[in-house]
């Protein structure tokens, strides 16, 4: 197995800033219809993180980090600038985009559909999950 195609971790990048100010701005924008984030719709509902999301993230063979725009490190920023929300895979070969904004929007907030699309996108990208030891 080529180590440059093995997923070491996944990173979901929200299309919103984090922190109190960022969260409030997003919630107000969402209520007004001026802000949207398809990844937020997959991971959260009005009362917080979806139970289905927590279950899915716990079943993956790699860590799945979620970050806001203002929380991205340099490599994640470079891979996601102007293309959020998105899901990226960290590999020994670098950061690879797995799901982009249009693909996430098509999921209509469904965690089950996200799981199917994530696996299909990983296959299309030629990436692989780490082998269990």
Protein backbone atom coordinates (compact mmCIF):
# COMPACT_ATOMS: atom_id res chain seq x y z
CA UNK A 1 0.00 0.00 0.00
CA UNK A 2 1.33 3.41 -1.01
CA UNK A 3 1.69 5.48 2.21
CA UNK A 4 1.02 8.71 0.29
CA UNK A 5 -2.56 7.57 -0.34
CA UNK A 6 -3.36 6.23 3.13
CA UNK A 7 -5.65 8.53 5.09
CA UNK A 8 -4.10 9.63 8.40
CA UNK A 9 -6.99 11.88 9.38
CA UNK A 10 -9.98 13.78 8.02
CA UNK A 11 -10.70 17.46 8.48
CA UNK A 12 -14.08 19.06 7.93
CA UNK A 13 -13.90 22.81 7.36
CA UNK A 14 -17.03 24.76 8.19
CA UNK A 15 -18.01 27.82 6.13
CA UNK A 16 -18.14 29.97 9.27
CA UNK A 17 -15.86 31.43 11.89
CA UNK A 18 -15.67 29.86 15.33
CA UNK A 19 -15.86 31.51 18.70
CA UNK A 20 -18.79 33.38 20.20
CA UNK A 21 -18.78 36.18 17.64
CA UNK A 22 -18.47 33.80 14.68
CA UNK A 23 -21.16 31.45 15.97
CA UNK A 24 -23.58 34.32 16.60
CA UNK A 25 -22.90 35.82 13.18
CA UNK A 26 -23.60 32.45 11.56
CA UNK A 27 -26.82 31.87 13.53
CA UNK A 28 -28.13 35.34 12.68
CA UNK A 29 -27.13 34.90 9.04
CA UNK A 30 -28.77 31.49 8.89
CA UNK A 31 -32.01 32.91 10.36
CA UNK A 32 -31.93 35.75 7.81
CA UNK A 33 -31.08 33.42 4.94
CA UNK A 34 -27.74 35.12 4.29
CA UNK A 35 -25.44 32.41 5.67
CA UNK A 36 -25.29 28.70 5.07
CA UNK A 37 -22.92 25.84 5.72
CA UNK A 38 -23.82 22.41 4.41
CA UNK A 39 -21.26 20.76 6.70
CA UNK A 40 -22.89 22.44 9.72
CA UNK A 41 -26.19 20.96 8.55
CA UNK A 42 -24.65 17.48 8.51
CA UNK A 43 -22.98 17.69 11.92
CA UNK A 44 -25.42 19.83 13.93
CA UNK A 45 -29.06 20.45 14.65
CA UNK A 46 -30.61 23.21 16.75
CA UNK A 47 -29.69 21.49 20.04
CA UNK A 48 -26.04 20.82 19.19
CA UNK A 49 -24.10 18.01 17.57
CA UNK A 50 -26.19 15.27 16.01
CA UNK A 51 -26.07 11.88 17.73
CA UNK A 52 -25.76 10.24 14.29
CA UNK A 53 -22.71 12.38 13.55
CA UNK A 54 -21.01 11.43 16.80
CA UNK A 55 -21.68 7.75 16.06
CA UNK A 56 -20.28 7.99 12.53
CA UNK A 57 -17.14 9.86 13.62
CA UNK A 58 -16.55 7.22 16.29
CA UNK A 59 -16.72 4.41 13.72
CA UNK A 60 -14.08 5.80 11.38
CA UNK A 61 -10.57 4.36 11.46
CA UNK A 62 -9.01 7.83 11.57
CA UNK A 63 -9.59 11.01 13.57
CA UNK A 64 -12.13 13.42 12.06
CA UNK A 65 -11.44 17.00 13.13
CA UNK A 66 -13.91 19.83 12.54
CA UNK A 67 -12.56 23.37 12.22
CA UNK A 68 -13.95 26.80 11.49
CA UNK A 69 -12.46 29.22 8.98
CA UNK A 70 -10.55 31.13 11.66
CA UNK A 71 -9.17 27.91 13.20
CA UNK A 72 -7.39 26.47 10.14
CA UNK A 73 -3.67 25.76 10.12
CA UNK A 74 -1.59 26.77 7.09
CA UNK A 75 -1.93 23.47 5.20
CA UNK A 76 -5.69 23.29 5.72
CA UNK A 77 -6.08 26.97 4.81
CA UNK A 78 -4.13 26.45 1.58
CA UNK A 79 -6.24 23.43 0.63
CA UNK A 80 -9.59 24.99 1.50
CA UNK A 81 -9.39 28.75 0.79
CA UNK A 82 -12.39 29.72 -1.32
CA UNK A 83 -13.69 26.12 -1.29
CA UNK A 84 -15.64 25.76 1.94
CA UNK A 85 -17.36 23.93 3.40
CA UNK A 86 -15.30 20.90 2.55
CA UNK A 87 -13.84 17.66 3.84
CA UNK A 88 -10.11 17.07 3.44
CA UNK A 89 -7.97 13.99 3.96
CA UNK A 90 -4.51 14.19 5.48
CA UNK A 91 -2.06 11.73 3.93
CA UNK A 92 1.70 11.35 3.98
CA UNK A 93 1.57 12.89 0.50
CA UNK A 94 -0.30 16.01 1.65
CA UNK A 95 -3.85 17.24 2.01
CA UNK A 96 -6.45 16.03 -0.51
CA UNK A 97 -9.95 17.42 -1.02
CA UNK A 98 -12.51 14.65 -0.61
CA UNK A 99 -15.85 16.51 -0.60
CA UNK A 100 -16.44 20.06 -1.76
CA UNK A 101 -19.22 22.59 -1.21
CA UNK A 102 -21.59 21.33 -3.93
CA UNK A 103 -21.25 17.71 -2.83
CA UNK A 104 -21.97 18.64 0.78
CA UNK A 105 -24.95 20.81 -0.20
CA UNK A 106 -26.49 17.88 -2.09
CA UNK A 107 -26.66 15.87 1.16
CA UNK A 108 -29.43 18.05 2.67
CA UNK A 109 -27.91 17.59 6.14
CA UNK A 110 -28.16 13.79 6.12
CA UNK A 111 -25.47 12.00 8.13
CA UNK A 112 -26.33 8.68 6.44
CA UNK A 113 -25.91 10.19 2.97
CA UNK A 114 -22.70 11.86 4.13
CA UNK A 115 -21.27 8.48 5.18
CA UNK A 116 -22.06 6.97 1.77
CA UNK A 117 -20.65 9.94 -0.14
CA UNK A 118 -17.54 10.11 2.02
CA UNK A 119 -16.64 6.50 1.27
CA UNK A 120 -17.39 6.90 -2.44
CA UNK A 121 -15.33 10.11 -2.65
CA UNK A 122 -12.39 8.44 -0.92
CA UNK A 123 -12.51 5.63 -3.46
CA UNK A 124 -12.73 8.11 -6.38
CA UNK A 125 -9.72 10.02 -5.03
CA UNK A 126 -7.67 6.81 -4.93
CA UNK A 127 -7.23 7.03 -1.18
CA UNK A 128 -7.41 4.18 1.29
CA UNK A 129 -8.17 3.70 4.95
CA UNK A 130 -5.30 2.56 7.18
CA UNK A 131 -5.11 -1.17 7.76
CA UNK A 132 -6.19 -2.36 11.16
CA UNK A 133 -3.48 -4.04 13.15
